[in-house]
Amino acid sequence: MDFKKIFLIISFFSYLSSFSLLAQEKKVYSMPGSYISPEKDTYWEIEEVYIYDADVQVKVNIDRFPKKINSSDTLYMPTWIAEEELLDFESMNYSYVFIINEKKIINE
């Protein structure tokens, strides 16, 4: 391979890796009665929501939550949801887990 081809390959992969800085899949944890909010200049697209205690993880109906949350928005966690009934009644210590796609807001 000549130098030009190597340079083009490296440039191409560098270009692709720059997009990973703009969108990132994350897990956000929250307790019932608390709230979450994206950082400044970002927004979240909620992919999935779960509640879990020490032993069990239950998928929550995603229709209860907005699809997109901006940095100026605050999402309050319900203190009770129907899916909670599937968890162990003795523990009642559960958390929400949001699988989100975090994206940066680019001001041009």
C-alpha atoms as a PDB file:
ATOM      1  CA  MET A   1       0.000   0.000   0.000  1.00  0.00           C
ATOM      2  CA  ASP A   2       1.249   3.403  -0.788  1.00  0.00           C
ATOM      3  CA  PHE A   3       1.229   6.368   1.540  1.00  0.00           C
ATOM      4  CA  LYS A   4      -1.800   7.989  -0.126  1.00  0.00           C
ATOM      5  CA  LYS A   5      -4.043   4.964   0.447  1.00  0.00           C
ATOM      6  CA  ILE A   6      -2.965   4.685   4.083  1.00  0.00           C
ATOM      7  CA  PHE A   7      -3.646   8.380   4.602  1.00  0.00           C
ATOM      8  CA  LEU A   8      -7.132   8.045   3.064  1.00  0.00           C
ATOM      9  CA  ILE A   9      -7.985   5.052   5.257  1.00  0.00           C
ATOM     10  CA  ILE A  10      -6.834   6.827   8.415  1.00  0.00           C
ATOM     11  CA  SER A  11      -8.719   9.981   7.404  1.00  0.00           C
ATOM     12  CA  PHE A  12     -11.883   7.999   6.753  1.00  0.00           C
ATOM     13  CA  PHE A  13     -11.815   6.289  10.168  1.00  0.00           C
ATOM     14  CA  SER A  14     -11.010   9.581  11.880  1.00  0.00           C
ATOM     15  CA  TYR A  15     -14.029  11.101  10.151  1.00  0.00           C
ATOM     16  CA  LEU A  16     -16.259   8.236  11.321  1.00  0.00           C
ATOM     17  CA  SER A  17     -14.993   8.423  14.901  1.00  0.00           C
ATOM     18  CA  SER A  18     -15.877  12.121  15.077  1.00  0.00           C
ATOM     19  CA  PHE A  19     -19.554  11.160  14.877  1.00  0.00           C
ATOM     20  CA  SER A  20     -19.283   9.131  18.070  1.00  0.00           C
ATOM     21  CA  LEU A  21     -18.762  12.395  19.939  1.00  0.00           C
ATOM     22  CA  LEU A  22     -22.138  13.670  18.726  1.00  0.00           C
ATOM     23  CA  ALA A  23     -24.306  10.698  19.811  1.00  0.00           C
ATOM     24  CA  GLN A  24     -23.762   8.213  22.587  1.00  0.00           C
ATOM     25  CA  GLU A  25     -25.893   5.473  24.120  1.00  0.00           C
ATOM     26  CA  LYS A  26     -25.998   5.670  27.921  1.00  0.00           C
ATOM     27  CA  LYS A  27     -27.745   4.315  30.962  1.00  0.00           C
ATOM     28  CA  VAL A  28     -29.255   6.853  33.349  1.00  0.00           C
ATOM     29  CA  TYR A  29     -30.291   5.700  36.828  1.00  0.00           C
ATOM     30  CA  SER A  30     -32.882   7.388  39.021  1.00  0.00           C
ATOM     31  CA  MET A  31     -34.865   6.688  42.181  1.00  0.00           C
ATOM     32  CA  PRO A  32     -38.665   7.040  42.466  1.00  0.00           C
ATOM     33  CA  GLY A  33     -39.655  10.590  43.409  1.00  0.00           C
ATOM     34  CA  SER A  34     -36.442  12.103  42.018  1.00  0.00           C
ATOM     35  CA  TYR A  35     -35.791  13.726  38.649  1.00  0.00           C
ATOM     36  CA  ILE A  36     -33.358  13.638  35.754  1.00  0.00           C
ATOM     37  CA  SER A  37     -32.355  16.182  33.130  1.00  0.00           C
ATOM     38  CA  PRO A  38     -29.800  16.193  30.306  1.00  0.00           C
ATOM     39  CA  GLU A  39     -26.701  18.364  30.594  1.00  0.00           C
ATOM     40  CA  LYS A  40     -26.522  21.734  28.862  1.00  0.00           C
ATOM     41  CA  ASP A  41     -26.398  21.594  25.056  1.00  0.00           C
ATOM     42  CA  THR A  42     -27.572  17.967  24.924  1.00  0.00           C
ATOM     43  CA  TYR A  43     -30.827  16.127  24.535  1.00  0.00           C
ATOM     44  CA  TRP A  44     -31.889  12.550  25.193  1.00  0.00           C
ATOM     45  CA  GLU A  45     -33.900  10.170  23.084  1.00  0.00           C
ATOM     46  CA  ILE A  46     -35.332   7.514  25.397  1.00  0.00           C
ATOM     47  CA  GLU A  47     -34.935   4.044  23.908  1.00  0.00           C
ATOM     48  CA  GLU A  48     -36.038   1.798  26.820  1.00  0.00           C
ATOM     49  CA  VAL A  49     -36.974   2.104  30.485  1.00  0.00           C
ATOM     50  CA  TYR A  50     -36.612  -0.531  33.200  1.00  0.00           C
ATOM     51  CA  ILE A  51     -37.182  -0.726  36.916  1.00  0.00           C
ATOM     52  CA  TYR A  52     -35.039  -3.032  38.944  1.00  0.00           C
ATOM     53  CA  ASP A  53     -34.363  -4.114  42.482  1.00  0.00           C
ATOM     54  CA  ALA A  54     -31.541  -6.327  43.675  1.00  0.00           C
ATOM     55  CA  ASP A  55     -32.786  -9.423  41.828  1.00  0.00           C
ATOM     56  CA  VAL A  56     -35.304  -8.527  39.138  1.00  0.00           C
ATOM     57  CA  GLN A  57     -35.371  -6.174  36.161  1.00  0.00           C
ATOM     58  CA  VAL A  58     -38.754  -5.318  34.598  1.00  0.00           C
ATOM     59  CA  LYS A  59     -39.281  -3.446  31.339  1.00  0.00           C
ATOM     60  CA  VAL A  60     -41.569  -0.429  31.732  1.00  0.00           C
ATOM     61  CA  ASN A  61     -44.102   0.753  29.172  1.00  0.00           C
ATOM     62  CA  ILE A  62     -42.158   3.474  27.362  1.00  0.00           C
ATOM     63  CA  ASP A  63     -45.363   5.356  26.491  1.00  0.00           C
ATOM     64  CA  ARG A  64     -45.323   6.748  30.049  1.00  0.00           C
ATOM     65  CA  PHE A  65     -42.284   8.865  29.213  1.00  0.00           C
ATOM     66  CA  PRO A  66     -41.524  11.435  26.513  1.00  0.00           C
ATOM     67  CA  LYS A  67     -39.525  10.250  23.507  1.00  0.00           C
ATOM     68  CA  LYS A  68     -37.187  13.258  23.659  1.00  0.00           C
ATOM     69  CA  ILE A  69     -35.950  15.353  26.601  1.00  0.00           C
ATOM     70  CA  ASN A  70     -34.100  18.635  26.061  1.00  0.00           C
ATOM     71  CA  SER A  71     -31.581  20.123  28.461  1.00  0.00           C
ATOM     72  CA  SER A  72     -34.201  22.643  29.578  1.00  0.00           C
ATOM     73  CA  ASP A  73     -36.632  19.822  30.494  1.00  0.00           C
ATOM     74  CA  THR A  74     -36.912  17.946  33.775  1.00  0.00           C
ATOM     75  CA  LEU A  75     -38.339  14.443  33.961  1.00  0.00           C
ATOM     76  CA  TYR A  76     -39.822  13.537  37.346  1.00  0.00           C
ATOM     77  CA  MET A  77     -39.877   9.873  38.321  1.00  0.00           C
ATOM     78  CA  PRO A  78     -43.229   8.481  39.404  1.00  0.00           C
ATOM     79  CA  THR A  79     -43.313   7.158  42.961  1.00  0.00           C
ATOM     80  CA  TRP A  80     -45.511   4.276  41.829  1.00  0.00           C
ATOM     81  CA  ILE A  81     -46.096   2.507  38.510  1.00  0.00           C
ATOM     82  CA  ALA A  82     -47.995  -0.689  37.677  1.00  0.00           C
ATOM     83  CA  GLU A  83     -44.840  -2.616  36.754  1.00  0.00           C
ATOM     84  CA  GLU A  84     -43.691  -2.175  40.350  1.00  0.00           C
ATOM     85  CA  GLU A  85     -46.164  -4.919  41.320  1.00  0.00           C
ATOM     86  CA  LEU A  86     -43.921  -7.444  39.559  1.00  0.00           C
ATOM     87  CA  LEU A  87     -41.028  -6.749  41.925  1.00  0.00           C
ATOM     88  CA  ASP A  88     -40.408  -8.288  45.337  1.00  0.00           C
ATOM     89  CA  PHE A  89     -42.817  -6.721  47.844  1.00  0.00           C
ATOM     90  CA  GLU A  90     -40.356  -7.108  50.721  1.00  0.00           C
ATOM     91  CA  SER A  91     -37.602  -4.961  49.248  1.00  0.00           C
ATOM     92  CA  MET A  92     -39.565  -2.104  47.605  1.00  0.00           C
ATOM     93  CA  ASN A  93     -36.178  -0.487  46.919  1.00  0.00           C
ATOM     94  CA  TYR A  94     -36.129  -0.124  43.192  1.00  0.00           C
ATOM     95  CA  SER A  95     -34.575   2.219  40.666  1.00  0.00           C
ATOM     96  CA  TYR A  96     -35.369   3.356  37.166  1.00  0.00           C
ATOM     97  CA  VAL A  97     -32.884   2.637  34.401  1.00  0.00           C
ATOM     98  CA  PHE A  98     -33.214   4.656  31.208  1.00  0.00           C
ATOM     99  CA  ILE A  99     -31.435   3.495  28.082  1.00  0.00           C
ATOM    100  CA  ILE A 100     -30.991   6.768  26.252  1.00  0.00           C
ATOM    101  CA  ASN A 101     -29.288   8.055  23.162  1.00  0.00           C
ATOM    102  CA  GLU A 102     -27.568  11.280  24.205  1.00  0.00           C
ATOM    103  CA  LYS A 103     -26.958  13.791  21.447  1.00  0.00           C
ATOM    104  CA  LYS A 104     -25.115  17.090  21.463  1.00  0.00           C
ATOM    105  CA  ILE A 105     -26.880  20.192  20.209  1.00  0.00           C
ATOM    106  CA  ILE A 106     -24.670  21.816  17.611  1.00  0.00           C
ATOM    107  CA  ASN A 107     -25.180  25.580  17.332  1.00  0.00           C
ATOM    108  CA  GLU A 108     -24.225  26.756  13.873  1.00  0.00           C
END
